[in-house]
C-alpha cells in the first residue's frame, strides 16, 4: 500500500500568539500530503487535472490529540482509506517527529 511521508517545520506565520499552530493550517498540511501522495503514485497533480481528473474536497474531519508549536518538526502521513470508481478517501496523520522517536 502506498503511503506518503513528507516532513516540514511549523512556521511562525502558522502559529498564534502562544506559538501553537492554528487549526486552519491542518487542511493546508493535508494538501501537502495529498499532492506528495499523488506524485509518488506516478503523476503530478497538475497533470492529473489536465487529464480531467479532479479531486474536490467534500468532507473533512479532524481529531486533535496534541498541539504542534512553532519550529516543531512534523511529518505528514497520507494513505488511502477507501477507493472506488468515483470516490477517493484519504487518511492523514500529522505528528511531531520527536514523538515518533519515543
C-alpha atoms as a PDB file:
ATOM      1  CA  UNK A   1       0.000   0.000   0.000  1.00  0.00           C
ATOM      2  CA  UNK A   2       1.336   3.417  -0.950  1.00  0.00           C
ATOM      3  CA  UNK A   3       1.996   5.733   1.990  1.00  0.00           C
ATOM      4  CA  UNK A   4       3.328   9.235   1.551  1.00  0.00           C
ATOM      5  CA  UNK A   5       5.537  10.605   4.301  1.00  0.00           C
ATOM      6  CA  UNK A   6       6.647  14.211   3.986  1.00  0.00           C
ATOM      7  CA  UNK A   7       8.343  16.387   6.565  1.00  0.00           C
ATOM      8  CA  UNK A   8       8.023  20.094   7.261  1.00  0.00           C
ATOM      9  CA  UNK A   9       8.645  22.579  10.064  1.00  0.00           C
ATOM     10  CA  UNK A  10       5.887  24.642  11.688  1.00  0.00           C
ATOM     11  CA  UNK A  11       6.457  28.231  10.579  1.00  0.00           C
ATOM     12  CA  UNK A  12       5.902  31.327  12.701  1.00  0.00           C
ATOM     13  CA  UNK A  13       3.081  32.515  10.411  1.00  0.00           C
ATOM     14  CA  UNK A  14       1.194  29.264  11.133  1.00  0.00           C
ATOM     15  CA  UNK A  15       1.022  29.922  14.874  1.00  0.00           C
ATOM     16  CA  UNK A  16      -0.979  32.075  17.244  1.00  0.00           C
ATOM     17  CA  UNK A  17       0.409  34.368  19.962  1.00  0.00           C
ATOM     18  CA  UNK A  18       1.047  31.345  22.184  1.00  0.00           C
ATOM     19  CA  UNK A  19       3.201  29.713  19.495  1.00  0.00           C
ATOM     20  CA  UNK A  20       0.647  26.944  18.857  1.00  0.00           C
ATOM     21  CA  UNK A  21      -0.204  26.053  15.260  1.00  0.00           C
ATOM     22  CA  UNK A  22      -3.648  27.373  14.333  1.00  0.00           C
ATOM     23  CA  UNK A  23      -6.196  24.699  13.397  1.00  0.00           C
ATOM     24  CA  UNK A  24      -6.708  26.281   9.957  1.00  0.00           C
ATOM     25  CA  UNK A  25      -3.257  25.036   8.908  1.00  0.00           C
ATOM     26  CA  UNK A  26      -4.113  21.354   9.103  1.00  0.00           C
ATOM     27  CA  UNK A  27      -6.069  21.281   5.804  1.00  0.00           C
ATOM     28  CA  UNK A  28      -3.099  23.024   4.170  1.00  0.00           C
ATOM     29  CA  UNK A  29      -0.749  20.380   5.561  1.00  0.00           C
ATOM     30  CA  UNK A  30      -3.170  17.681   4.358  1.00  0.00           C
ATOM     31  CA  UNK A  31      -2.924  19.195   0.882  1.00  0.00           C
ATOM     32  CA  UNK A  32       0.863  18.974   1.050  1.00  0.00           C
ATOM     33  CA  UNK A  33       0.478  15.297   1.909  1.00  0.00           C
ATOM     34  CA  UNK A  34      -2.116  14.706  -0.813  1.00  0.00           C
ATOM     35  CA  UNK A  35      -0.028  16.250  -3.586  1.00  0.00           C
ATOM     36  CA  UNK A  36       3.023  14.275  -2.452  1.00  0.00           C
ATOM     37  CA  UNK A  37       0.917  11.093  -2.356  1.00  0.00           C
ATOM     38  CA  UNK A  38      -0.296  11.690  -5.930  1.00  0.00           C
ATOM     39  CA  UNK A  39       3.272  12.419  -7.085  1.00  0.00           C
ATOM     40  CA  UNK A  40       4.545   9.198  -5.503  1.00  0.00           C
ATOM     41  CA  UNK A  41       1.772   7.344  -7.336  1.00  0.00           C
ATOM     42  CA  UNK A  42       3.494   8.438 -10.556  1.00  0.00           C
ATOM     43  CA  UNK A  43       1.578  11.513 -11.724  1.00  0.00           C
ATOM     44  CA  UNK A  44       1.699  15.184 -10.825  1.00  0.00           C
ATOM     45  CA  UNK A  45      -1.436  16.839  -9.512  1.00  0.00           C
ATOM     46  CA  UNK A  46      -1.410  19.344 -12.390  1.00  0.00           C
ATOM     47  CA  UNK A  47      -1.072  16.560 -14.980  1.00  0.00           C
ATOM     48  CA  UNK A  48      -3.963  14.701 -13.371  1.00  0.00           C
ATOM     49  CA  UNK A  49      -6.142  17.836 -13.590  1.00  0.00           C
ATOM     50  CA  UNK A  50      -5.162  18.416 -17.241  1.00  0.00           C
ATOM     51  CA  UNK A  51      -6.499  14.931 -17.941  1.00  0.00           C
ATOM     52  CA  UNK A  52      -9.820  15.949 -16.382  1.00  0.00           C
ATOM     53  CA  UNK A  53      -9.477  14.095 -13.089  1.00  0.00           C
ATOM     54  CA  UNK A  54     -10.375  16.422 -10.224  1.00  0.00           C
ATOM     55  CA  UNK A  55     -10.436  15.664  -6.513  1.00  0.00           C
ATOM     56  CA  UNK A  56     -12.869  18.058  -4.829  1.00  0.00           C
ATOM     57  CA  UNK A  57     -12.827  18.080  -1.053  1.00  0.00           C
ATOM     58  CA  UNK A  58     -16.316  17.138   0.135  1.00  0.00           C
ATOM     59  CA  UNK A  59     -15.691  16.181   3.746  1.00  0.00           C
ATOM     60  CA  UNK A  60     -13.022  16.935   6.336  1.00  0.00           C
ATOM     61  CA  UNK A  61     -12.847  15.571   9.877  1.00  0.00           C
ATOM     62  CA  UNK A  62     -10.030  16.113  12.348  1.00  0.00           C
ATOM     63  CA  UNK A  63      -9.266  14.736  15.767  1.00  0.00           C
ATOM     64  CA  UNK A  64      -6.622  16.733  17.602  1.00  0.00           C
ATOM     65  CA  UNK A  65      -4.687  14.693  20.157  1.00  0.00           C
ATOM     66  CA  UNK A  66      -1.945  17.228  20.856  1.00  0.00           C
ATOM     67  CA  UNK A  67      -0.798  20.587  19.584  1.00  0.00           C
ATOM     68  CA  UNK A  68       2.186  21.413  17.444  1.00  0.00           C
ATOM     69  CA  UNK A  69       4.145  24.574  18.053  1.00  0.00           C
ATOM     70  CA  UNK A  70       6.489  26.972  16.308  1.00  0.00           C
ATOM     71  CA  UNK A  71       9.576  25.229  14.897  1.00  0.00           C
ATOM     72  CA  UNK A  72       8.282  21.715  15.617  1.00  0.00           C
ATOM     73  CA  UNK A  73       9.469  19.237  13.013  1.00  0.00           C
ATOM     74  CA  UNK A  74       6.377  17.397  11.827  1.00  0.00           C
ATOM     75  CA  UNK A  75       5.659  14.510   9.494  1.00  0.00           C
ATOM     76  CA  UNK A  76       2.525  14.285   7.363  1.00  0.00           C
ATOM     77  CA  UNK A  77       1.474  10.709   6.571  1.00  0.00           C
ATOM     78  CA  UNK A  78      -1.076  10.117   3.812  1.00  0.00           C
ATOM     79  CA  UNK A  79      -2.623   6.830   2.735  1.00  0.00           C
ATOM     80  CA  UNK A  80      -5.763   5.563   1.017  1.00  0.00           C
ATOM     81  CA  UNK A  81      -8.615   4.692   3.332  1.00  0.00           C
ATOM     82  CA  UNK A  82     -11.186   3.947   0.593  1.00  0.00           C
ATOM     83  CA  UNK A  83     -11.014   3.796  -3.197  1.00  0.00           C
ATOM     84  CA  UNK A  84     -13.968   3.211  -5.521  1.00  0.00           C
ATOM     85  CA  UNK A  85     -14.763   4.169  -9.109  1.00  0.00           C
ATOM     86  CA  UNK A  86     -15.993   7.616  -8.056  1.00  0.00           C
ATOM     87  CA  UNK A  87     -14.531   8.151  -4.605  1.00  0.00           C
ATOM     88  CA  UNK A  88     -11.119   8.500  -3.015  1.00  0.00           C
ATOM     89  CA  UNK A  89     -10.934   8.808   0.766  1.00  0.00           C
ATOM     90  CA  UNK A  90      -7.535   9.660   2.177  1.00  0.00           C
ATOM     91  CA  UNK A  91      -6.404   9.245   5.766  1.00  0.00           C
ATOM     92  CA  UNK A  92      -3.870  11.640   7.240  1.00  0.00           C
ATOM     93  CA  UNK A  93      -1.742  11.664  10.354  1.00  0.00           C
ATOM     94  CA  UNK A  94       0.381  14.572  11.466  1.00  0.00           C
ATOM     95  CA  UNK A  95       2.808  14.048  14.291  1.00  0.00           C
ATOM     96  CA  UNK A  96       5.847  15.676  15.820  1.00  0.00           C
ATOM     97  CA  UNK A  97       8.996  13.885  14.733  1.00  0.00           C
ATOM     98  CA  UNK A  98      10.307  13.842  18.313  1.00  0.00           C
ATOM     99  CA  UNK A  99       7.191  11.917  19.426  1.00  0.00           C
ATOM    100  CA  UNK A 100       7.631   9.214  16.797  1.00  0.00           C
ATOM    101  CA  UNK A 101      11.155   8.529  18.057  1.00  0.00           C
ATOM    102  CA  UNK A 102       9.859   7.710  21.583  1.00  0.00           C
END
